[in-house]
C-alpha atoms as a PDB file:
ATOM      1  CA  MET A   1       9.891  17.265 -19.403  1.00  0.00           C
ATOM      2  CA  ARG A   2       7.853  16.637 -16.622  1.00  0.00           C
ATOM      3  CA  ARG A   3       9.051  17.632 -12.903  1.00  0.00           C
ATOM      4  CA  CYS A   4       9.408  14.596 -10.513  1.00  0.00           C
ATOM      5  CA  THR A   5       9.435  13.985  -7.159  1.00  0.00           C
ATOM      6  CA  THR A   6      11.107  10.840  -5.852  1.00  0.00           C
ATOM      7  CA  LEU A   7       9.355   9.156  -3.698  1.00  0.00           C
ATOM      8  CA  ALA A   8      11.737   6.425  -2.456  1.00  0.00           C
ATOM      9  CA  GLN A   9      15.089   5.421  -3.758  1.00  0.00           C
ATOM     10  CA  ASN A  10      18.162   2.748  -2.694  1.00  0.00           C
ATOM     11  CA  PRO A  11      21.431   2.476  -4.281  1.00  0.00           C
ATOM     12  CA  LYS A  12      19.869   0.207  -7.333  1.00  0.00           C
ATOM     13  CA  ALA A  13      16.277   1.394  -7.500  1.00  0.00           C
ATOM     14  CA  ARG A  14      14.127   4.972  -7.566  1.00  0.00           C
ATOM     15  CA  ILE A  15      10.568   5.023  -7.009  1.00  0.00           C
ATOM     16  CA  VAL A  16       9.546   8.913  -8.903  1.00  0.00           C
ATOM     17  CA  GLN A  17       6.306  10.622  -9.529  1.00  0.00           C
ATOM     18  CA  GLU A  18       5.644  12.517 -12.797  1.00  0.00           C
ATOM     19  CA  ALA A  19       4.138  16.059 -11.833  1.00  0.00           C
ATOM     20  CA  PRO A  20       1.017  16.924 -14.645  1.00  0.00           C
ATOM     21  CA  ARG A  21       2.214  18.930 -17.618  1.00  0.00           C
ATOM     22  CA  SER A  22       0.055  21.627 -16.614  1.00  0.00           C
ATOM     23  CA  SER A  23      -2.515  22.284 -13.627  1.00  0.00           C
ATOM     24  CA  TYR A  24      -5.157  21.448 -16.766  1.00  0.00           C
ATOM     25  CA  GLU A  25      -3.657  17.759 -16.704  1.00  0.00           C
ATOM     26  CA  ILE A  26      -5.975  16.307 -13.745  1.00  0.00           C
ATOM     27  CA  GLY A  27      -5.239  13.379 -12.633  1.00  0.00           C
ATOM     28  CA  GLU A  28      -2.102  13.363 -14.742  1.00  0.00           C
ATOM     29  CA  THR A  29       0.677  12.505 -12.241  1.00  0.00           C
ATOM     30  CA  ARG A  30       1.913   9.191 -12.635  1.00  0.00           C
ATOM     31  CA  THR A  31       4.726   6.844 -10.481  1.00  0.00           C
ATOM     32  CA  LEU A  32       6.998   5.550 -11.687  1.00  0.00           C
ATOM     33  CA  ALA A  33       9.911   2.195 -10.509  1.00  0.00           C
ATOM     34  CA  GLN A  34      12.936   2.578 -12.289  1.00  0.00           C
ATOM     35  CA  TRP A  35      15.915  -0.275 -11.712  1.00  0.00           C
ATOM     36  CA  LEU A  36      18.687   1.812 -12.297  1.00  0.00           C
ATOM     37  CA  PRO A  37      21.384  -0.415 -13.218  1.00  0.00           C
ATOM     38  CA  ASN A  38      20.016  -0.888 -16.490  1.00  0.00           C
ATOM     39  CA  GLY A  39      17.053   1.621 -16.643  1.00  0.00           C
ATOM     40  CA  ARG A  40      13.942  -0.719 -16.370  1.00  0.00           C
ATOM     41  CA  THR A  41      11.058   1.392 -15.692  1.00  0.00           C
ATOM     42  CA  THR A  42       7.454   0.175 -14.299  1.00  0.00           C
ATOM     43  CA  LYS A  43       4.139   2.156 -14.373  1.00  0.00           C
ATOM     44  CA  LEU A  44       2.629   1.229 -10.820  1.00  0.00           C
ATOM     45  CA  GLY A  45      -1.007   2.054 -12.310  1.00  0.00           C
ATOM     46  CA  ASP A  46      -1.557   5.828 -11.637  1.00  0.00           C
ATOM     47  CA  GLY A  47      -1.674   8.859 -13.834  1.00  0.00           C
ATOM     48  CA  GLN A  48      -5.007   7.816 -15.792  1.00  0.00           C
ATOM     49  CA  GLU A  49      -8.250  10.257 -15.757  1.00  0.00           C
ATOM     50  CA  PHE A  50      -9.855   9.190 -12.931  1.00  0.00           C
ATOM     51  CA  GLY A  51      -7.634   6.403 -11.970  1.00  0.00           C
ATOM     52  CA  PRO A  52      -6.717   4.935  -9.112  1.00  0.00           C
ATOM     53  CA  VAL A  53      -3.703   7.448  -7.137  1.00  0.00           C
ATOM     54  CA  ILE A  54      -0.788   6.726  -5.380  1.00  0.00           C
ATOM     55  CA  GLY A  55      -0.723   5.443  -1.564  1.00  0.00           C
ATOM     56  CA  PRO A  56       2.355   4.804   0.555  1.00  0.00           C
ATOM     57  CA  VAL A  57       5.035   3.533  -0.780  1.00  0.00           C
ATOM     58  CA  ALA A  58       7.731   1.425   1.124  1.00  0.00           C
ATOM     59  CA  LEU A  59      11.264   0.115  -0.954  1.00  0.00           C
ATOM     60  CA  ALA A  60      13.779  -2.724   0.353  1.00  0.00           C
ATOM     61  CA  GLY A  61      16.397  -4.096  -2.027  1.00  0.00           C
ATOM     62  CA  HIS A  62      14.494  -4.882  -5.756  1.00  0.00           C
ATOM     63  CA  PHE A  63      10.764  -4.827  -3.718  1.00  0.00           C
ATOM     64  CA  LEU A  64       8.545  -2.144  -4.042  1.00  0.00           C
ATOM     65  CA  ALA A  65       5.508  -2.090  -1.898  1.00  0.00           C
ATOM     66  CA  TYR A  66       2.682   0.347  -2.472  1.00  0.00           C
ATOM     67  CA  ALA A  67      -1.874   1.159  -2.001  1.00  0.00           C
ATOM     68  CA  LEU A  68      -3.505   2.058  -5.009  1.00  0.00           C
ATOM     69  CA  PHE A  69      -6.728   3.771  -4.254  1.00  0.00           C
ATOM     70  CA  TYR A  70      -9.311   3.885  -6.338  1.00  0.00           C
ATOM     71  CA  PHE A  71     -12.075   6.780  -6.389  1.00  0.00           C
ATOM     72  CA  GLY A  72     -15.168   5.897  -8.599  1.00  0.00           C
ATOM     73  CA  ARG A  73     -16.316   9.207 -10.928  1.00  0.00           C
ATOM     74  CA  TYR A  74     -19.566   9.756  -9.770  1.00  0.00           C
ATOM     75  CA  ASN A  75     -20.691   9.207  -5.920  1.00  0.00           C
ATOM     76  CA  ASP A  76     -22.569   5.962  -6.518  1.00  0.00           C
ATOM     77  CA  GLN A  77     -19.291   4.475  -8.115  1.00  0.00           C
ATOM     78  CA  GLY A  78     -17.821   3.853  -4.671  1.00  0.00           C
ATOM     79  CA  THR A  79     -14.557   3.878  -3.382  1.00  0.00           C
ATOM     80  CA  ASP A  80     -11.578   0.750  -3.097  1.00  0.00           C
ATOM     81  CA  TRP A  81      -7.819   0.251  -2.710  1.00  0.00           C
ATOM     82  CA  LYS A  82      -5.433  -2.632  -3.041  1.00  0.00           C
ATOM     83  CA  VAL A  83      -1.965  -3.368  -1.772  1.00  0.00           C
ATOM     84  CA  VAL A  84       0.504  -4.492  -4.285  1.00  0.00           C
ATOM     85  CA  ARG A  85       4.167  -5.838  -4.474  1.00  0.00           C
ATOM     86  CA  LEU A  86       6.300  -5.316  -7.533  1.00  0.00           C
ATOM     87  CA  ASN A  87       9.897  -6.585  -8.117  1.00  0.00           C
ATOM     88  CA  VAL A  88      11.462  -3.307  -9.548  1.00  0.00           C
ATOM     89  CA  LYS A  89      14.030  -5.515 -11.151  1.00  0.00           C
ATOM     90  CA  THR A  90      11.874  -7.625 -13.395  1.00  0.00           C
ATOM     91  CA  GLY A  91       8.452  -5.486 -13.015  1.00  0.00           C
ATOM     92  CA  HIS A  92       6.955  -8.733 -11.964  1.00  0.00           C
ATOM     93  CA  ARG A  93       3.547  -7.056 -10.073  1.00  0.00           C
ATOM     94  CA  GLU A  94       1.413  -9.043  -7.315  1.00  0.00           C
ATOM     95  CA  GLU A  95      -1.825  -8.273  -5.655  1.00  0.00           C
ATOM     96  CA  ALA A  96      -2.848  -9.133  -2.239  1.00  0.00           C
ATOM     97  CA  ASN A  97      -5.955 -11.431  -2.575  1.00  0.00           C
ATOM     98  CA  ARG A  98      -9.614 -10.599  -1.850  1.00  0.00           C
ATOM     99  CA  SER A  99     -10.733 -13.906  -1.495  1.00  0.00           C
ATOM    100  CA  GLY A 100     -11.794 -15.925   1.568  1.00  0.00           C
ATOM    101  CA  SER A 101     -11.389 -15.055   5.169  1.00  0.00           C
ATOM    102  CA  VAL A 102      -9.064 -12.234   4.302  1.00  0.00           C
ATOM    103  CA  GLY A 103     -11.491  -9.425   4.005  1.00  0.00           C
ATOM    104  CA  GLU A 104     -10.112  -7.795   6.842  1.00  0.00           C
ATOM    105  CA  CYS A 105      -6.980  -7.073   5.271  1.00  0.00           C
ATOM    106  CA  THR A 106      -7.881  -5.765   1.829  1.00  0.00           C
ATOM    107  CA  GLY A 107     -10.088  -3.133   0.832  1.00  0.00           C
ATOM    108  CA  GLY A 108     -13.777  -3.383  -0.516  1.00  0.00           C
ATOM    109  CA  LEU A 109     -15.995  -1.571  -2.553  1.00  0.00           C
ATOM    110  CA  ALA A 110     -17.718   1.462  -0.093  1.00  0.00           C
ATOM    111  CA  PHE A 111     -20.479   3.115  -1.453  1.00  0.00           C
ATOM    112  CA  HIS A 112     -21.399   6.276   0.693  1.00  0.00           C
ATOM    113  CA  VAL A 113     -19.068   5.774   3.663  1.00  0.00           C
ATOM    114  CA  PRO A 114     -16.204   5.856   4.301  1.00  0.00           C
ATOM    115  CA  ILE A 115     -13.449   3.021   3.800  1.00  0.00           C
ATOM    116  CA  PRO A 116     -11.013   1.654   5.789  1.00  0.00           C
ATOM    117  CA  GLY A 117      -6.990   2.766   4.464  1.00  0.00           C
ATOM    118  CA  VAL A 118      -3.664   2.128   4.340  1.00  0.00           C
ATOM    119  CA  HIS A 119      -1.665   4.378   6.324  1.00  0.00           C
ATOM    120  CA  LYS A 120       1.686   2.730   6.135  1.00  0.00           C
ATOM    121  CA  VAL A 121       3.497  -0.193   4.365  1.00  0.00           C
ATOM    122  CA  VAL A 122       6.555  -2.040   4.858  1.00  0.00           C
ATOM    123  CA  VAL A 123       8.480  -3.979   2.725  1.00  0.00           C
ATOM    124  CA  THR A 124      11.520  -6.409   3.567  1.00  0.00           C
ATOM    125  CA  ASP A 125      14.090  -7.169   1.029  1.00  0.00           C
ATOM    126  CA  MET A 126      12.796 -10.954   0.635  1.00  0.00           C
ATOM    127  CA  GLY A 127      10.302  -9.242  -0.620  1.00  0.00           C
ATOM    128  CA  ALA A 128       7.600  -9.941   2.598  1.00  0.00           C
ATOM    129  CA  VAL A 129       4.947  -6.434   2.931  1.00  0.00           C
ATOM    130  CA  ALA A 130       3.250  -5.416   5.790  1.00  0.00           C
ATOM    131  CA  TRP A 131       0.799  -2.652   5.632  1.00  0.00           C
ATOM    132  CA  LEU A 132      -1.205  -1.084   8.825  1.00  0.00           C
ATOM    133  CA  MET A 133      -4.871   0.095   8.071  1.00  0.00           C
ATOM    134  CA  GLN A 134      -6.849   2.457  10.063  1.00  0.00           C
ATOM    135  CA  GLY A 135     -10.676   1.925  10.281  1.00  0.00           C
ATOM    136  CA  ARG A 136     -13.555  -0.709  10.209  1.00  0.00           C
ATOM    137  CA  ASN A 137     -16.750  -0.454   8.783  1.00  0.00           C
ATOM    138  CA  ASP A 138     -19.407  -1.657  11.498  1.00  0.00           C
ATOM    139  CA  PRO A 139     -21.738  -4.368   9.478  1.00  0.00           C
ATOM    140  CA  GLN A 140     -24.727  -3.074  11.334  1.00  0.00           C
ATOM    141  CA  THR A 141     -23.975   0.977  10.881  1.00  0.00           C
ATOM    142  CA  GLY A 142     -22.023   1.505   8.082  1.00  0.00           C
ATOM    143  CA  ARG A 143     -20.205   4.159  10.771  1.00  0.00           C
ATOM    144  CA  LEU A 144     -16.126   4.195  10.464  1.00  0.00           C
ATOM    145  CA  ASP A 145     -14.356   3.400  13.720  1.00  0.00           C
ATOM    146  CA  PRO A 146     -11.049   5.486  13.263  1.00  0.00           C
ATOM    147  CA  HIS A 147      -9.392   4.051  16.572  1.00  0.00           C
ATOM    148  CA  ASP A 148      -9.504   0.562  15.182  1.00  0.00           C
ATOM    149  CA  TYR A 149      -6.235  -0.301  13.382  1.00  0.00           C
ATOM    150  CA  ARG A 150      -4.852  -3.982  11.854  1.00  0.00           C
ATOM    151  CA  ILE A 151      -1.476  -4.911  10.906  1.00  0.00           C
ATOM    152  CA  CYS A 152      -1.758  -7.462   7.611  1.00  0.00           C
ATOM    153  CA  ALA A 153       1.013  -9.084   6.200  1.00  0.00           C
ATOM    154  CA  LEU A 154       1.712 -10.940   2.845  1.00  0.00           C
ATOM    155  CA  ALA A 155       4.654 -13.330   3.295  1.00  0.00           C
ATOM    156  CA  SER A 156       7.210 -13.261   0.227  1.00  0.00           C
ATOM    157  CA  ASN A 157       6.029 -16.905  -1.567  1.00  0.00           C
ATOM    158  CA  SER A 158       2.417 -15.669  -1.183  1.00  0.00           C
ATOM    159  CA  ARG A 159      -0.582 -13.655  -2.087  1.00  0.00           C
ATOM    160  CA  THR A 160      -3.049 -14.250   1.014  1.00  0.00           C
ATOM    161  CA  PRO A 161      -2.740 -11.700   3.297  1.00  0.00           C
ATOM    162  CA  VAL A 162      -3.233 -12.647   7.224  1.00  0.00           C
ATOM    163  CA  VAL A 163      -3.265 -10.341  10.310  1.00  0.00           C
ATOM    164  CA  LEU A 164      -1.079  -9.991  12.451  1.00  0.00           C
ATOM    165  CA  ALA A 165      -2.819  -7.619  15.084  1.00  0.00           C
ATOM    166  CA  SER A 166      -5.602  -5.542  15.578  1.00  0.00           C
ATOM    167  CA  GLY A 167      -7.267  -3.261  18.017  1.00  0.00           C
ATOM    168  CA  SER A 168      -7.271   0.403  19.187  1.00  0.00           C
ATOM    169  CA  THR A 169      -3.843   0.397  20.595  1.00  0.00           C
ATOM    170  CA  ILE A 170      -1.841  -0.207  18.271  1.00  0.00           C
ATOM    171  CA  ALA A 171       1.040   2.966  17.494  1.00  0.00           C
ATOM    172  CA  PRO A 172       0.044   3.732  13.749  1.00  0.00           C
ATOM    173  CA  GLN A 173       3.473   5.095  13.192  1.00  0.00           C
ATOM    174  CA  SER A 174       5.172   2.302  14.800  1.00  0.00           C
ATOM    175  CA  LEU A 175       5.444  -0.651  11.947  1.00  0.00           C
ATOM    176  CA  ALA A 176       8.521  -0.870  10.675  1.00  0.00           C
ATOM    177  CA  ALA A 177      10.586  -4.042   9.024  1.00  0.00           C
ATOM    178  CA  SER A 178      14.143  -5.560   8.870  1.00  0.00           C
ATOM    179  CA  GLU A 179      15.374  -8.242   6.959  1.00  0.00           C
ATOM    180  CA  ARG A 180      13.254 -10.986   8.139  1.00  0.00           C
ATOM    181  CA  TYR A 181      10.639  -9.291  10.827  1.00  0.00           C
ATOM    182  CA  VAL A 182       7.843  -6.910  11.247  1.00  0.00           C
ATOM    183  CA  TYR A 183       7.570  -4.829  13.830  1.00  0.00           C
ATOM    184  CA  TRP A 184       5.447  -2.520  16.180  1.00  0.00           C
ATOM    185  CA  THR A 185       4.073  -0.687  19.358  1.00  0.00           C
ATOM    186  CA  GLU A 186       0.404  -2.512  20.668  1.00  0.00           C
ATOM    187  CA  GLY A 187      -0.421  -0.877  24.437  1.00  0.00           C
ATOM    188  CA  GLY A 188       2.958   0.577  24.661  1.00  0.00           C
ATOM    189  CA  VAL A 189       5.348  -3.037  24.498  1.00  0.00           C
ATOM    190  CA  PRO A 190       7.166  -3.532  21.520  1.00  0.00           C
ATOM    191  CA  ARG A 191       5.861  -6.637  19.227  1.00  0.00           C
ATOM    192  CA  GLY A 192       7.382  -8.382  16.462  1.00  0.00           C
ATOM    193  CA  VAL A 193       6.853 -11.592  14.254  1.00  0.00           C
ATOM    194  CA  PRO A 194       9.408 -13.490  11.500  1.00  0.00           C
ATOM    195  CA  ILE A 195       7.912 -13.165   8.003  1.00  0.00           C
ATOM    196  CA  GLU A 196       9.417 -14.269   5.163  1.00  0.00           C
END
């Protein structure tokens, strides 16, 4: 039996990460969402050799939001990430869209340069998701500006994210959610928007 660490829990759901059986099983850590009333278990997508790893997670009601980070097996294969919403009760999973003008909120394949990363996610009981991204690549130089932050959101009935805020004065740890609102601090001023 593998050793497990609980990443998040509420009265009806638990998110656990299984440790490798031995130190030789690199990449064998896997994360599971458990719906406690009936024991339903859903794999989150990590736990494969050279597969993705789990980033930040957030649990509210029966919804889980999390980031998956992908690393190429070799340097020239790049890195990538995505944000996922999972209904732990049903096992239904949705990824944030990457099309159109949503590039400010989604990952992208990057070669030999750092990529902007998801540093915090929050989710509401209704399934709306918000996340904080740190860093933005300058298209001319390819360099990452680590002092640039964006807060992106995904309404509960959508897979297309929107930018709620962008700038260097967003307090990275301030992102929070309540039943129908997303909150953060920008330039020392509390901000919030309704999200459903």
